[in-house]
Amino acid sequence: FWYTTGMRDKEARELCPHCVESFATAHVLERTENFFIVCDANPLTEGHILIIPHKHLSCVGEFSPEMLDEFARLYDQVHKFVETTYGSVSAFEHGKIGQTVFHAHVHILPFDGTPDMIIPEGAKHITKIDNIASVKLAYEREGQYLYFSIGDNSWLVNSSLGYPRFFRDRFANGLGNPDLSNWQATMNNAAIQEANLRTIRNVESKWH
């Protein structure tokens, strides 16, 4: 895709759509010292928001303790906004597995389904954790993870299940919007992009 993990760090940053001005950060809701809060440019549903660090890091597991503290506050803020505004909330992060952009970005979006809708392989493939901050331990232990949440419940998923767009595909199906899963394809669909922009404008209006 844009770049690979084998590139030098400087090359990766120069090509990364989260490090340069691009479609990915075109709809900023809020900027903080270390993060952007943005509307997903190719949302799976209205209310699909990303938290992205300014620094080129691969996942939440690489955040410093100070960044993790700030991130946790922002996560709670966005989580509450989505739940209050849309009536439900879920989140996911690929944690180096299944990424198509190798710069940390946590997805928060409305979804009120059940874990088996996301992991139909069964409960043996998921492990309950306290919250998203707990992924740091998994990352230090294994160097990778798959994280998702529904409401106030959070899980790690068996890493062997991972593949590109792992969670996007599954949440898109769970939301009844499988045609929105492949964001690289929808970027070339004028009708979908027009609908996406309307969706984004709605979120911006409700956020502000």
Protein backbone atom coordinates (compact mmCIF):
# COMPACT_ATOMS: atom_id res chain seq x y z
CA PHE A 1 0.00 0.00 0.00
CA TRP A 2 1.47 3.50 0.80
CA TYR A 3 4.48 2.06 2.51
CA THR A 4 5.69 -1.02 4.32
CA THR A 5 7.19 -1.69 7.71
CA GLY A 6 10.49 -2.42 5.91
CA MET A 7 10.92 1.22 4.92
CA ARG A 8 13.17 3.59 6.81
CA ASP A 9 11.26 5.58 9.42
CA LYS A 10 11.76 8.89 7.60
CA GLU A 11 10.40 7.42 4.35
CA ALA A 12 7.43 5.95 6.19
CA ARG A 13 6.53 9.29 7.79
CA GLU A 14 6.81 11.11 4.47
CA LEU A 15 4.35 8.71 2.83
CA CYS A 16 2.07 8.01 5.81
CA PRO A 17 -1.43 9.52 5.34
CA HIS A 18 -1.60 10.15 9.10
CA CYS A 19 1.71 12.05 9.16
CA VAL A 20 1.04 14.36 6.20
CA GLU A 21 -1.98 16.41 5.22
CA SER A 22 -4.27 13.99 3.39
CA PHE A 23 -7.82 12.75 3.14
CA ALA A 24 -7.24 10.78 6.36
CA THR A 25 -6.95 13.88 8.55
CA ALA A 26 -9.16 16.22 6.53
CA HIS A 27 -12.01 16.27 9.06
CA VAL A 28 -10.46 17.16 12.40
CA LEU A 29 -12.84 17.50 15.33
CA GLU A 30 -10.20 18.38 17.90
CA ARG A 31 -6.41 18.68 18.25
CA THR A 32 -4.55 18.14 21.50
CA GLU A 33 -0.88 18.11 22.43
CA ASN A 34 -0.30 14.58 21.16
CA PHE A 35 -3.41 13.58 19.20
CA PHE A 36 -5.96 14.32 16.51
CA ILE A 37 -9.60 13.39 16.93
CA VAL A 38 -10.99 13.06 13.39
CA CYS A 39 -13.99 11.75 11.53
CA ASP A 40 -13.10 8.59 9.65
CA ALA A 41 -12.94 9.71 6.01
CA ASN A 42 -14.56 6.43 4.95
CA PRO A 43 -16.96 5.74 7.84
CA LEU A 44 -18.67 2.42 8.38
CA THR A 45 -21.60 4.33 9.88
CA GLU A 46 -22.37 7.84 11.10
CA GLY A 47 -20.40 8.56 14.26
CA HIS A 48 -17.26 6.67 13.15
CA ILE A 49 -14.37 8.60 14.75
CA LEU A 50 -10.60 8.00 14.95
CA ILE A 51 -8.03 8.99 17.56
CA ILE A 52 -4.62 9.37 15.90
CA PRO A 53 -1.31 10.35 17.53
CA HIS A 54 0.76 13.10 15.92
CA LYS A 55 3.87 10.96 16.41
CA HIS A 56 4.43 8.11 13.96
CA LEU A 57 3.79 5.13 16.26
CA SER A 58 2.34 1.82 15.14
CA CYS A 59 -0.27 1.25 17.86
CA VAL A 60 -1.44 2.14 21.37
CA GLY A 61 0.99 -0.45 22.72
CA GLU A 62 3.88 1.86 21.73
CA PHE A 63 2.53 4.93 23.56
CA SER A 64 4.63 6.38 26.38
CA PRO A 65 2.98 6.47 29.84
CA GLU A 66 2.31 10.20 29.39
CA MET A 67 0.74 9.68 25.97
CA LEU A 68 -1.29 6.78 27.28
CA ASP A 69 -2.73 8.99 30.05
CA GLU A 70 -3.77 11.65 27.54
CA PHE A 71 -5.11 9.03 25.15
CA ALA A 72 -7.23 7.44 27.90
CA ARG A 73 -8.90 10.79 28.59
CA LEU A 74 -9.62 11.36 24.91
CA TYR A 75 -10.86 7.82 24.48
CA ASP A 76 -13.34 8.33 27.32
CA GLN A 77 -14.42 11.66 25.80
CA VAL A 78 -15.09 10.22 22.35
CA HIS A 79 -16.60 7.04 23.79
CA LYS A 80 -19.10 9.11 25.79
CA PHE A 81 -19.90 11.36 22.81
CA VAL A 82 -20.66 8.43 20.50
CA GLU A 83 -22.72 6.57 23.09
CA THR A 84 -24.69 9.66 24.10
CA THR A 85 -25.26 10.85 20.54
CA TYR A 86 -25.94 7.54 18.80
CA GLY A 87 -27.15 5.26 21.58
CA SER A 88 -24.36 2.67 21.44
CA VAL A 89 -20.58 2.53 21.17
CA SER A 90 -17.82 0.11 20.24
CA ALA A 91 -14.13 0.43 19.42
CA PHE A 92 -11.33 -1.46 17.75
CA GLU A 93 -7.61 -1.28 17.02
CA HIS A 94 -5.50 -3.67 14.99
CA GLY A 95 -2.32 -3.33 17.03
CA LYS A 96 0.07 -4.12 14.12
CA ILE A 97 -2.13 -6.95 12.81
CA GLY A 98 -4.36 -6.32 9.83
CA GLN A 99 -3.30 -2.70 9.45
CA THR A 100 -3.47 -1.04 6.04
CA VAL A 101 -2.01 2.18 7.45
CA PHE A 102 0.91 1.55 9.82
CA HIS A 103 0.28 4.54 12.08
CA ALA A 104 -1.79 4.06 15.22
CA HIS A 105 -5.48 4.90 14.82
CA VAL A 106 -8.19 3.75 17.20
CA HIS A 107 -11.70 3.44 15.78
CA ILE A 108 -14.72 4.40 17.91
CA LEU A 109 -18.17 4.00 16.39
CA PRO A 110 -21.80 3.18 17.15
CA PHE A 111 -22.47 -0.57 17.33
CA ASP A 112 -24.76 -2.48 19.70
CA GLY A 113 -24.19 -6.03 18.56
CA THR A 114 -22.67 -8.97 20.38
CA PRO A 115 -19.08 -10.30 20.45
CA ASP A 116 -19.99 -13.34 18.35
CA MET A 117 -21.00 -10.99 15.52
CA ILE A 118 -17.38 -9.82 15.41
CA ILE A 119 -15.68 -13.09 16.36
CA PRO A 120 -17.94 -15.90 15.07
CA GLU A 121 -15.03 -18.31 15.59
CA GLY A 122 -16.16 -18.56 19.21
CA ALA A 123 -15.47 -17.35 22.74
CA LYS A 124 -12.30 -19.44 22.99
CA HIS A 125 -10.63 -16.91 20.68
CA ILE A 126 -11.27 -13.85 22.85
CA THR A 127 -9.94 -12.80 26.26
CA LYS A 128 -11.67 -10.24 28.44
CA ILE A 129 -9.50 -7.30 29.57
CA ASP A 130 -10.16 -4.28 31.76
CA ASN A 131 -9.89 -1.55 29.13
CA ILE A 132 -7.92 -0.40 26.11
CA ALA A 133 -4.95 0.67 28.28
CA SER A 134 -4.44 -3.04 29.01
CA VAL A 135 -3.27 -3.62 25.44
CA LYS A 136 0.11 -2.22 26.46
CA LEU A 137 0.76 -5.33 28.53
CA ALA A 138 -0.20 -7.57 25.62
CA TYR A 139 2.06 -5.60 23.30
CA GLU A 140 5.01 -5.81 25.70
CA ARG A 141 4.41 -9.54 26.02
CA GLU A 142 3.72 -10.49 22.39
CA GLY A 143 4.56 -7.47 20.22
CA GLN A 144 1.07 -7.46 18.73
CA TYR A 145 -2.63 -7.70 19.58
CA LEU A 146 -6.16 -7.33 18.23
CA TYR A 147 -8.44 -5.20 20.42
CA PHE A 148 -12.16 -4.52 20.33
CA SER A 149 -14.87 -3.37 22.68
CA ILE A 150 -18.66 -3.25 22.80
CA GLY A 151 -20.13 -0.88 25.34
CA ASP A 152 -18.02 -1.07 28.49
CA ASN A 153 -16.62 -4.55 27.74
CA SER A 154 -13.21 -5.03 26.12
CA TRP A 155 -11.47 -8.04 24.61
CA LEU A 156 -8.25 -9.19 23.00
CA VAL A 157 -8.61 -11.53 20.04
CA ASN A 158 -6.40 -14.48 19.16
CA SER A 159 -3.76 -12.88 16.94
CA SER A 160 -3.64 -15.86 14.61
CA LEU A 161 -7.05 -14.82 13.24
CA GLY A 162 -5.75 -11.46 11.97
CA TYR A 163 -5.67 -10.39 8.33
CA PRO A 164 -5.78 -7.01 6.50
CA ARG A 165 -8.89 -4.98 7.45
CA PHE A 166 -9.81 -7.65 10.03
CA PHE A 167 -12.06 -5.47 12.19
CA ARG A 168 -13.29 -3.18 9.40
CA ASP A 169 -14.66 -6.20 7.53
CA ARG A 170 -16.33 -7.64 10.59
CA PHE A 171 -17.84 -4.45 11.96
CA ALA A 172 -19.04 -3.51 8.46
CA ASN A 173 -20.83 -6.85 8.23
CA GLY A 174 -22.22 -6.48 11.75
CA LEU A 175 -23.57 -3.05 10.88
CA GLY A 176 -25.14 -4.33 7.68
CA ASN A 177 -22.79 -2.22 5.54
CA PRO A 178 -20.39 -4.75 3.95
CA ASP A 179 -20.00 -2.55 0.87
CA LEU A 180 -18.24 0.06 3.04
CA SER A 181 -15.60 -2.28 4.40
CA ASN A 182 -12.89 -1.79 1.77
CA TRP A 183 -12.09 1.91 2.15
CA GLN A 184 -9.54 1.82 -0.68
CA ALA A 185 -12.31 0.73 -3.06
CA THR A 186 -14.94 3.15 -1.73
CA MET A 187 -12.55 6.07 -2.28
CA ASN A 188 -13.08 5.55 -6.01
CA ASN A 189 -16.88 5.40 -5.73
CA ALA A 190 -18.31 8.90 -6.24
CA ALA A 191 -21.74 8.07 -4.83
CA ILE A 192 -20.30 6.55 -1.64
CA GLN A 193 -17.92 9.48 -1.19
CA GLU A 194 -20.79 11.95 -1.53
CA ALA A 195 -22.75 10.02 1.10
CA ASN A 196 -19.64 9.86 3.31
CA LEU A 197 -19.25 13.63 3.21
CA ARG A 198 -22.86 14.13 4.30
CA THR A 199 -22.31 11.68 7.15
CA ILE A 200 -19.12 13.48 8.22
CA ARG A 201 -20.83 16.87 8.17
CA ASN A 202 -23.52 15.47 10.47
CA VAL A 203 -20.90 14.27 12.94
CA GLU A 204 -19.04 17.59 12.84
CA SER A 205 -22.25 19.45 13.54
CA LYS A 206 -23.15 17.23 16.50
CA TRP A 207 -19.61 17.35 17.91
CA HIS A 208 -19.50 21.13 17.88
